[in-house]
C-alpha cells in the first residue's frame, strides 16, 4: 500500500477514525440508551456497547494535553466510561440471588452474635416476620420450629432454598423479587436493632449475669468490690472471673486476683495460668502464691527473657514460692546474667526453693559478684537453705565490706550457734 492510499483493514474497508469527539459522542449515545433500557436484555446491549468503546479508547492514539493544567482527554473519557458502568450495574436487578445472599448474611449474624435476653426475643420476631413475608410472596410453607439460634438459622436456610428454587426472572418477576428484597431489608434492619450483648455497658452486663445478686450485707465501695468479696465467701470463682474479665481497672484487677489466689481451686488456677501464658505479671505473682506446680514449665520459659527484666523478677519470685526443684538449674544459670538488678531475684528465688544443689553457685556468687546487693541476696539465700555448708559459707563474711552482707553473716553465725565474740 502506497503512502497516498487511505488506511483500511484486511477487508479493504476504510478504518474508523477514533478521536476524542467520536468517543464522547459514543458515550453520550450510550447514556441515552442506558436511560431508556428497561430489561436485562437492553442492559446487556448497553454493556456490549460500553465494551466496544473501551476497546477503542485503549487502542486510540489521542493527543496529549498541551500543558499540565489541561485535562487529559484519555483520563476524562475513562472516568465517564467508569461512571456509566456504575450506573449500568445500579440499574440491573434486583435478582433472586441478592435475596439469598441477604438471607445468608442474616443467618451468619444470628449465629455469630451473642444476644441479650431481650435481643433473643427480638430476633425471633424478626425471623418469623421475614418467613411470613416469603410464604406470602411465594405461596410457600416455610416454618419456624423453635426460638434458639440454630432453629432460627434452619428456618432462614429453608427460606433461602425456596427463593433460590423459585426460578424468578429479573424482568418477568421484578415485582416479586422487589417484595422479597424489601422483606430481606427489613430482616437486616430488625437484626441490627435487636439488642446485642456488646451493646450493653459493663455494669449492665454484670447485672444481667447476676453479678450483683450477692450484695446486701456488704457496705464496701465500690459495690463491685463488695460483690467480689461476697462471691469469694461463697466460693464462686466464675463470678469473680466475670468481674476480672469485665472491670477494666487496676484496683478491681488486684482484688479479683487476690480473691482467686485465696480460693486457689482448679478453676482459679486455670484462669491465672491462662493469663500467665500471655505474660500477665499479676497472674504470675498469683501462681507463685498459689504454689501452682502445674505452672512451673510455663514459668521456666520466661526465665531467659532478658529483654523484659520486670517479667523475670516476678517469674523468679513465683518459681521460688512454688518450690519446685525443676526451676533450680534455670535460676542458678541467671546468677551470672548481666543485669545486676535482676540477679538478686535469682538468688532469693533459689533461697526460697531450698534445693541444696544451689549452694555452690550461691557461694560463688557471694564470693565473686561485684554487686553488694547481689551478694547480700546470695547470703540470704544460703541462710534460707540452712545446711551446715550453706550457713558456714555465709558466716565467713562477717567482716564484709557491705553492711547488708555483714548482717546476713551475723544471722548465719547465730543459726550455727556461734557467739558474737567468737
Protein backbone atom coordinates (compact mmCIF):
# COMPACT_ATOMS: atom_id res chain seq x y z
CA UNK A 1 0.00 0.00 0.00
CA UNK A 2 1.40 3.38 -1.02
CA UNK A 3 1.61 6.32 1.34
CA UNK A 4 -1.14 8.08 -0.56
CA UNK A 5 -3.65 5.25 -0.12
CA UNK A 6 -6.37 5.53 2.55
CA UNK A 7 -5.87 3.34 5.65
CA UNK A 8 -8.01 0.22 5.57
CA UNK A 9 -8.44 -3.04 7.48
CA UNK A 10 -7.79 -6.50 5.98
CA UNK A 11 -11.17 -6.48 4.24
CA UNK A 12 -10.28 -3.35 2.31
CA UNK A 13 -12.85 -1.16 4.14
CA UNK A 14 -11.55 2.17 5.50
CA UNK A 15 -10.66 2.04 9.24
CA UNK A 16 -12.89 4.10 11.51
CA UNK A 17 -11.15 7.21 12.74
CA UNK A 18 -11.01 7.31 16.54
CA UNK A 19 -10.97 10.77 18.06
CA UNK A 20 -11.88 12.39 21.35
CA UNK A 21 -15.05 13.71 19.75
CA UNK A 22 -16.13 10.33 18.36
CA UNK A 23 -15.63 8.65 21.72
CA UNK A 24 -17.54 11.41 23.52
CA UNK A 25 -20.38 11.07 21.01
CA UNK A 26 -20.43 7.31 21.60
CA UNK A 27 -20.64 7.75 25.37
CA UNK A 28 -23.43 10.30 25.03
CA UNK A 29 -25.39 7.85 22.92
CA UNK A 30 -24.84 5.09 25.47
CA UNK A 31 -26.08 7.38 28.22
CA UNK A 32 -29.37 7.83 26.37
CA UNK A 33 -29.66 4.07 25.69
CA UNK A 34 -29.00 3.33 29.36
CA UNK A 35 -31.69 5.74 30.49
CA UNK A 36 -34.21 4.10 28.17
CA UNK A 37 -33.23 0.48 28.97
CA UNK A 38 -35.91 -1.35 30.98
CA UNK A 39 -34.98 -5.01 30.56
CA UNK A 40 -31.93 -7.14 31.27
CA UNK A 41 -31.56 -7.75 27.53
CA UNK A 42 -31.45 -4.00 26.86
CA UNK A 43 -28.89 -3.56 29.63
CA UNK A 44 -26.78 -6.34 28.10
CA UNK A 45 -26.74 -4.41 24.82
CA UNK A 46 -25.62 -1.26 26.64
CA UNK A 47 -22.85 -3.20 28.32
CA UNK A 48 -21.70 -4.59 24.97
CA UNK A 49 -21.54 -1.06 23.54
CA UNK A 50 -19.51 0.13 26.54
CA UNK A 51 -17.10 -2.75 25.96
CA UNK A 52 -16.62 -1.63 22.33
CA UNK A 53 -15.99 1.97 23.36
CA UNK A 54 -13.48 0.86 25.99
CA UNK A 55 -11.59 -1.19 23.38
CA UNK A 56 -11.45 1.82 21.05
CA UNK A 57 -10.25 4.06 23.88
CA UNK A 58 -7.42 1.65 24.69
CA UNK A 59 -6.39 1.49 21.00
CA UNK A 60 -6.72 5.20 20.28
CA UNK A 61 -3.73 7.47 19.92
CA UNK A 62 -5.28 10.56 21.49
CA UNK A 63 -3.44 13.88 21.76
CA UNK A 64 -1.58 14.67 24.95
CA UNK A 65 -2.66 17.76 26.95
CA UNK A 66 -0.91 20.96 25.89
CA UNK A 67 0.15 21.78 29.47
CA UNK A 68 -0.06 20.37 32.98
CA UNK A 69 -3.21 22.34 33.80
CA UNK A 70 -5.18 20.89 30.90
CA UNK A 71 -7.32 17.82 31.46
CA UNK A 72 -6.01 14.62 29.85
CA UNK A 73 -8.76 13.58 27.38
CA UNK A 74 -7.97 9.88 27.89
CA UNK A 75 -8.47 10.15 31.65
CA UNK A 76 -11.65 12.19 31.23
CA UNK A 77 -13.12 9.61 28.85
CA UNK A 78 -12.09 6.74 31.15
CA UNK A 79 -13.85 8.45 34.07
CA UNK A 80 -17.03 8.89 32.04
CA UNK A 81 -16.89 5.26 30.96
CA UNK A 82 -16.50 4.08 34.58
CA UNK A 83 -19.43 6.23 35.71
CA UNK A 84 -21.68 4.72 33.04
CA UNK A 85 -20.66 1.19 34.08
CA UNK A 86 -21.59 2.00 37.70
CA UNK A 87 -24.97 3.34 36.58
CA UNK A 88 -25.47 0.23 34.48
CA UNK A 89 -24.83 -2.09 37.44
CA UNK A 90 -27.07 0.01 39.66
CA UNK A 91 -29.91 -0.38 37.16
CA UNK A 92 -29.60 -4.15 36.92
CA UNK A 93 -31.64 -6.45 39.09
CA UNK A 94 -32.51 -6.97 41.78
CA UNK A 95 -32.11 -10.72 41.44
CA UNK A 96 -33.25 -13.68 43.47
CA UNK A 97 -29.56 -14.32 44.18
CA UNK A 98 -29.41 -10.99 46.02
CA UNK A 99 -32.18 -12.12 48.34
CA UNK A 100 -30.44 -15.44 49.02
CA UNK A 101 -27.19 -13.62 49.81
CA UNK A 102 -29.03 -11.32 52.23
CA UNK A 103 -30.57 -14.34 53.96
CA UNK A 104 -27.15 -15.97 54.32
CA UNK A 105 -25.78 -12.78 55.91
CA UNK A 106 -28.69 -12.76 58.36
CA UNK A 107 -28.01 -16.39 59.27
CA UNK A 108 -24.36 -15.59 59.95
CA UNK A 109 -25.26 -12.62 62.14
CA UNK A 110 -27.69 -14.68 64.21
CA UNK A 111 -25.16 -17.48 64.68
CA UNK A 112 -22.13 -15.31 65.41
CA UNK A 113 -23.72 -12.72 67.70
CA UNK A 114 -24.22 -13.00 71.43
CA UNK A 115 -27.71 -11.69 72.13
CA UNK A 116 -29.18 -10.43 75.38
CA UNK A 117 -32.40 -11.96 76.70
CA UNK A 118 -34.31 -9.10 75.11
CA UNK A 119 -32.36 -9.47 71.87
CA UNK A 120 -33.18 -13.18 71.68
CA UNK A 121 -36.87 -12.35 71.66
CA UNK A 122 -36.35 -9.63 69.06
CA UNK A 123 -34.52 -11.89 66.59
CA UNK A 124 -37.31 -14.49 66.87
CA UNK A 125 -39.83 -11.83 65.87
CA UNK A 126 -37.58 -10.68 63.02
CA UNK A 127 -37.19 -14.16 61.55
CA UNK A 128 -40.88 -15.00 61.95
CA UNK A 129 -41.84 -11.78 60.18
CA UNK A 130 -39.43 -12.46 57.31
CA UNK A 131 -40.54 -16.06 56.88
CA UNK A 132 -44.17 -14.92 56.83
CA UNK A 133 -43.32 -12.46 54.02
CA UNK A 134 -41.57 -15.18 52.00
CA UNK A 135 -44.52 -17.52 52.44
CA UNK A 136 -46.99 -14.84 51.35
CA UNK A 137 -44.91 -13.69 48.37
CA UNK A 138 -44.07 -17.14 47.01
CA UNK A 139 -47.07 -19.07 48.36
CA UNK A 140 -44.59 -21.20 50.32
CA UNK A 141 -44.83 -23.08 53.62
CA UNK A 142 -41.62 -22.34 55.50
CA UNK A 143 -41.96 -22.74 59.28
CA UNK A 144 -40.00 -21.53 62.31
CA UNK A 145 -39.79 -24.56 64.61
CA UNK A 146 -38.03 -23.04 67.62
CA UNK A 147 -36.53 -19.96 69.19
CA UNK A 148 -32.84 -20.71 69.58
CA UNK A 149 -30.20 -19.55 67.08
CA UNK A 150 -29.84 -22.97 65.46
CA UNK A 151 -33.57 -23.32 64.80
CA UNK A 152 -33.86 -19.75 63.52
CA UNK A 153 -30.92 -20.35 61.16
CA UNK A 154 -32.58 -23.53 59.92
CA UNK A 155 -35.76 -21.59 59.12
CA UNK A 156 -33.75 -18.99 57.18
CA UNK A 157 -31.94 -21.74 55.29
CA UNK A 158 -35.31 -23.19 54.25
CA UNK A 159 -36.44 -19.73 53.12
CA UNK A 160 -33.27 -19.29 51.07
CA UNK A 161 -33.89 -22.67 49.38
CA UNK A 162 -37.44 -21.63 48.50
CA UNK A 163 -36.28 -18.32 47.00
CA UNK A 164 -33.39 -19.93 45.11
CA UNK A 165 -35.56 -22.66 43.58
CA UNK A 166 -38.44 -20.37 42.58
CA UNK A 167 -36.88 -19.65 39.16
CA UNK A 168 -37.51 -15.93 39.41
CA UNK A 169 -36.64 -13.85 36.34
CA UNK A 170 -35.29 -10.33 36.85
CA UNK A 171 -37.64 -8.95 34.16
CA UNK A 172 -40.76 -11.08 34.37
CA UNK A 173 -40.78 -11.36 38.18
CA UNK A 174 -39.44 -7.93 39.03
CA UNK A 175 -42.27 -7.13 41.45
CA UNK A 176 -41.93 -10.44 43.26
CA UNK A 177 -38.18 -10.01 43.64
CA UNK A 178 -38.66 -6.43 44.82
CA UNK A 179 -41.06 -7.64 47.53
CA UNK A 180 -38.52 -10.24 48.68
CA UNK A 181 -35.73 -7.66 48.69
CA UNK A 182 -37.90 -5.38 50.83
CA UNK A 183 -38.53 -8.24 53.26
CA UNK A 184 -34.79 -9.04 53.39
CA UNK A 185 -34.01 -5.38 54.05
CA UNK A 186 -36.50 -5.38 56.91
CA UNK A 187 -34.89 -8.54 58.32
CA UNK A 188 -31.47 -6.91 58.21
CA UNK A 189 -32.83 -3.76 59.87
CA UNK A 190 -34.60 -5.75 62.60
CA UNK A 191 -31.46 -7.75 63.38
CA UNK A 192 -29.38 -4.57 63.58
CA UNK A 193 -31.90 -3.12 66.02
CA UNK A 194 -32.03 -6.24 68.20
CA UNK A 195 -30.09 -5.90 71.43
CA UNK A 196 -26.65 -7.49 71.30
CA UNK A 197 -24.51 -8.27 74.31
CA UNK A 198 -21.88 -5.80 73.12
CA UNK A 199 -24.48 -3.03 73.17
CA UNK A 200 -24.61 -3.17 76.96
CA UNK A 201 -22.43 -1.16 79.30
CA UNK A 202 -20.17 -3.09 81.65
CA UNK A 203 -22.42 -2.71 84.69
CA UNK A 204 -25.46 -3.77 82.66
CA UNK A 205 -23.61 -6.89 81.50
CA UNK A 206 -22.65 -7.79 85.06
CA UNK A 207 -26.15 -7.12 86.29
CA UNK A 208 -27.65 -9.25 83.53
CA UNK A 209 -25.48 -12.18 84.64
CA UNK A 210 -26.40 -11.85 88.31
CA UNK A 211 -23.07 -10.45 89.48
CA UNK A 212 -24.71 -8.02 91.93
CA UNK A 213 -27.17 -10.58 93.32
CA UNK A 214 -24.82 -11.31 96.20
CA UNK A 215 -24.97 -7.75 97.55
CA UNK A 216 -27.00 -6.97 100.62
CA UNK A 217 -24.73 -7.36 103.61
CA UNK A 218 -21.68 -5.55 102.34
CA UNK A 219 -21.02 -1.83 102.65
CA UNK A 220 -17.70 -1.56 100.85
CA UNK A 221 -17.39 0.86 97.99
CA UNK A 222 -17.38 0.36 95.08
CA UNK A 223 -20.17 -2.24 95.00
CA UNK A 224 -18.14 -4.36 92.56
CA UNK A 225 -15.53 -4.90 95.28
CA UNK A 226 -18.24 -5.81 97.76
CA UNK A 227 -19.69 -8.27 95.26
CA UNK A 228 -16.28 -9.91 94.72
CA UNK A 229 -15.96 -10.37 98.49
CA UNK A 230 -19.40 -11.91 98.60
CA UNK A 231 -18.67 -14.34 95.80
CA UNK A 232 -15.34 -15.26 97.40
CA UNK A 233 -17.17 -16.11 100.61
CA UNK A 234 -19.48 -18.35 98.62
CA UNK A 235 -16.54 -19.87 96.74
CA UNK A 236 -17.91 -18.78 93.36
CA UNK A 237 -14.86 -18.49 91.10
CA UNK A 238 -16.97 -17.99 87.98
CA UNK A 239 -18.44 -14.71 89.24
CA UNK A 240 -15.04 -13.38 90.28
CA UNK A 241 -13.65 -14.23 86.85
CA UNK A 242 -16.63 -12.43 85.34
CA UNK A 243 -15.60 -9.29 87.21
CA UNK A 244 -11.94 -9.76 86.30
CA UNK A 245 -12.76 -10.00 82.59
CA UNK A 246 -15.16 -7.06 82.53
CA UNK A 247 -13.96 -4.49 85.05
CA UNK A 248 -11.05 -2.70 83.44
CA UNK A 249 -9.38 -1.11 86.46
CA UNK A 250 -6.14 -1.88 88.29
CA UNK A 251 -7.99 -1.68 91.61
CA UNK A 252 -10.52 -4.36 90.72
CA UNK A 253 -7.95 -6.50 88.94
CA UNK A 254 -5.85 -6.57 92.09
CA UNK A 255 -8.77 -7.52 94.34
CA UNK A 256 -10.13 -10.12 91.93
CA UNK A 257 -6.73 -11.80 91.65
CA UNK A 258 -6.28 -11.71 95.42
CA UNK A 259 -9.66 -13.41 95.85
CA UNK A 260 -8.82 -16.06 93.27
CA UNK A 261 -5.47 -16.63 94.95
CA UNK A 262 -7.14 -17.21 98.30
CA UNK A 263 -9.71 -19.57 96.78
CA UNK A 264 -6.93 -21.48 94.96
CA UNK A 265 -9.09 -24.15 93.38
CA UNK A 266 -8.74 -25.70 89.94
CA UNK A 267 -10.89 -23.08 88.20
CA UNK A 268 -8.91 -20.26 89.81
CA UNK A 269 -5.63 -21.90 88.80
CA UNK A 270 -6.74 -22.40 85.20
CA UNK A 271 -7.77 -18.75 84.93
CA UNK A 272 -4.46 -17.49 86.32
CA UNK A 273 -2.46 -19.96 84.24
CA UNK A 274 -4.21 -18.90 81.05
CA UNK A 275 -3.44 -15.23 81.75
CA UNK A 276 0.13 -16.09 82.76
CA UNK A 277 0.65 -17.73 79.38
CA UNK A 278 0.14 -14.24 77.94
CA UNK A 279 2.91 -12.95 80.26
CA UNK A 280 0.47 -11.24 82.60
CA UNK A 281 2.58 -10.31 85.60
CA UNK A 282 -0.17 -10.11 88.28
CA UNK A 283 -1.30 -13.60 87.30
CA UNK A 284 2.27 -14.91 87.52
CA UNK A 285 2.50 -13.47 91.04
CA UNK A 286 -0.77 -15.20 91.89
CA UNK A 287 0.55 -18.56 90.65
CA UNK A 288 3.51 -18.20 92.99
CA UNK A 289 1.29 -17.51 95.99
CA UNK A 290 -0.94 -20.41 94.95
CA UNK A 291 2.16 -22.67 94.84
CA UNK A 292 0.91 -23.86 91.48
CA UNK A 293 3.29 -26.66 90.50
CA UNK A 294 1.37 -27.26 87.27
CA UNK A 295 2.51 -23.82 86.09
CA UNK A 296 6.24 -24.41 86.59
CA UNK A 297 7.04 -25.38 83.00
CA UNK A 298 5.23 -22.29 81.72
CA UNK A 299 7.13 -20.02 84.10
CA UNK A 300 10.50 -21.60 83.34
CA UNK A 301 10.01 -20.47 79.73
CA UNK A 302 10.19 -16.87 80.97
CA UNK A 303 13.42 -17.25 82.95
CA UNK A 304 15.57 -16.30 79.94
CA UNK A 305 13.51 -13.27 78.85
CA UNK A 306 16.41 -10.88 79.47
CA UNK A 307 14.75 -8.15 77.42
CA UNK A 308 11.91 -7.99 79.96
CA UNK A 309 13.54 -7.73 83.40
CA UNK A 310 10.24 -6.99 85.15
CA UNK A 311 8.82 -10.26 83.82
CA UNK A 312 11.94 -12.06 85.05
CA UNK A 313 11.63 -10.59 88.53
CA UNK A 314 8.06 -11.72 89.10
CA UNK A 315 8.78 -15.07 87.47
CA UNK A 316 11.83 -15.77 89.63
CA UNK A 317 9.92 -14.99 92.80
CA UNK A 318 6.93 -17.08 91.72
CA UNK A 319 9.17 -20.07 90.97
CA UNK A 320 10.82 -19.69 94.36
CA UNK A 321 7.47 -19.59 96.14
CA UNK A 322 6.20 -22.63 94.26
CA UNK A 323 9.31 -24.51 95.39
CA UNK A 324 9.57 -26.99 92.54
CA UNK A 325 13.20 -28.11 92.06
CA UNK A 326 12.78 -28.19 88.27
CA UNK A 327 13.46 -24.46 88.46
CA UNK A 328 16.78 -24.78 90.32
CA UNK A 329 19.16 -25.03 87.37
CA UNK A 330 17.44 -22.38 85.19
CA UNK A 331 17.54 -19.95 88.13
CA UNK A 332 21.12 -20.81 89.05
CA UNK A 333 22.15 -20.05 85.47
CA UNK A 334 20.84 -16.50 85.93
CA UNK A 335 23.26 -15.80 88.80
CA UNK A 336 25.76 -14.77 86.14
CA UNK A 337 23.43 -12.73 83.93
CA UNK A 338 24.45 -9.17 83.10
CA UNK A 339 21.59 -7.31 84.76
CA UNK A 340 22.60 -6.77 88.39
CA UNK A 341 19.08 -5.55 89.17
CA UNK A 342 17.68 -8.97 88.30
CA UNK A 343 20.45 -11.21 89.69
CA UNK A 344 19.31 -10.65 93.32
CA UNK A 345 15.90 -12.05 92.42
CA UNK A 346 17.50 -15.20 91.04
CA UNK A 347 19.50 -15.64 94.27
CA UNK A 348 16.49 -15.10 96.53
CA UNK A 349 14.36 -17.45 94.43
CA UNK A 350 16.98 -20.16 94.96
CA UNK A 351 16.82 -19.49 98.68
CA UNK A 352 13.05 -19.93 98.63
CA UNK A 353 13.42 -23.16 96.66
CA UNK A 354 15.77 -24.58 99.28
CA UNK A 355 17.42 -27.02 96.87
CA UNK A 356 20.91 -27.88 98.14
CA UNK A 357 22.18 -28.04 94.56
CA UNK A 358 22.07 -24.25 94.60
CA UNK A 359 24.54 -23.95 97.49
CA UNK A 360 27.73 -23.99 95.42
CA UNK A 361 26.63 -21.43 92.79
CA UNK A 362 25.35 -19.21 95.62
CA UNK A 363 28.69 -19.48 97.42
CA UNK A 364 30.47 -18.47 94.21
CA UNK A 365 28.11 -15.50 93.81
CA UNK A 366 28.64 -14.38 97.40
CA UNK A 367 32.41 -14.55 96.95
CA UNK A 368 32.81 -13.12 93.45
CA UNK A 369 29.89 -10.89 92.43
CA UNK A 370 30.73 -7.19 92.15
CA UNK A 371 27.28 -6.07 93.29
CA UNK A 372 26.74 -5.83 97.04
CA UNK A 373 23.00 -6.21 96.52
CA UNK A 374 23.51 -9.48 94.66
CA UNK A 375 25.97 -10.74 97.26
CA UNK A 376 23.66 -9.94 100.18
CA UNK A 377 20.84 -11.76 98.38
CA UNK A 378 23.10 -14.78 97.90
CA UNK A 379 23.94 -14.73 101.63
CA UNK A 380 20.24 -14.52 102.46
CA UNK A 381 19.54 -17.46 100.15
CA UNK A 382 22.24 -19.55 101.80
CA UNK A 383 20.65 -18.87 105.17
CA UNK A 384 17.27 -19.99 103.85
CA UNK A 385 18.71 -23.26 102.56
CA UNK A 386 20.20 -23.66 106.01
CA UNK A 387 22.56 -26.60 105.62
CA UNK A 388 25.81 -26.61 107.57
CA UNK A 389 27.82 -25.85 104.44
CA UNK A 390 25.48 -23.04 103.40
CA UNK A 391 25.46 -21.39 106.81
CA UNK A 392 29.22 -21.63 107.24
CA UNK A 393 29.77 -20.07 103.81
CA UNK A 394 27.53 -17.15 104.70
CA UNK A 395 29.02 -16.77 108.18
CA UNK A 396 32.54 -16.29 106.75
CA UNK A 397 31.58 -12.80 105.53
CA UNK A 398 31.02 -11.22 108.91
CA UNK A 399 33.71 -8.60 108.09
CA UNK A 400 32.45 -7.94 104.58
CA UNK A 401 32.69 -4.50 103.03
CA UNK A 402 28.88 -4.40 102.73
CA UNK A 403 26.76 -3.86 105.81
CA UNK A 404 23.95 -5.92 104.25
CA UNK A 405 26.26 -8.89 103.74
CA UNK A 406 27.64 -8.46 107.28
CA UNK A 407 24.09 -8.58 108.64
CA UNK A 408 23.33 -11.83 106.81
CA UNK A 409 26.64 -13.28 108.00
CA UNK A 410 25.80 -12.46 111.61
CA UNK A 411 22.42 -14.18 111.27
CA UNK A 412 24.15 -17.24 109.81
CA UNK A 413 26.54 -17.31 112.78
CA UNK A 414 23.58 -17.17 115.13
CA UNK A 415 21.99 -20.10 113.32
CA UNK A 416 25.25 -22.02 113.75
CA UNK A 417 25.34 -21.17 117.44
CA UNK A 418 28.49 -19.05 117.12
CA UNK A 419 28.62 -16.22 119.65
CA UNK A 420 29.21 -12.61 118.61
CA UNK A 421 32.62 -12.64 120.35
CA UNK A 422 33.83 -15.87 118.81
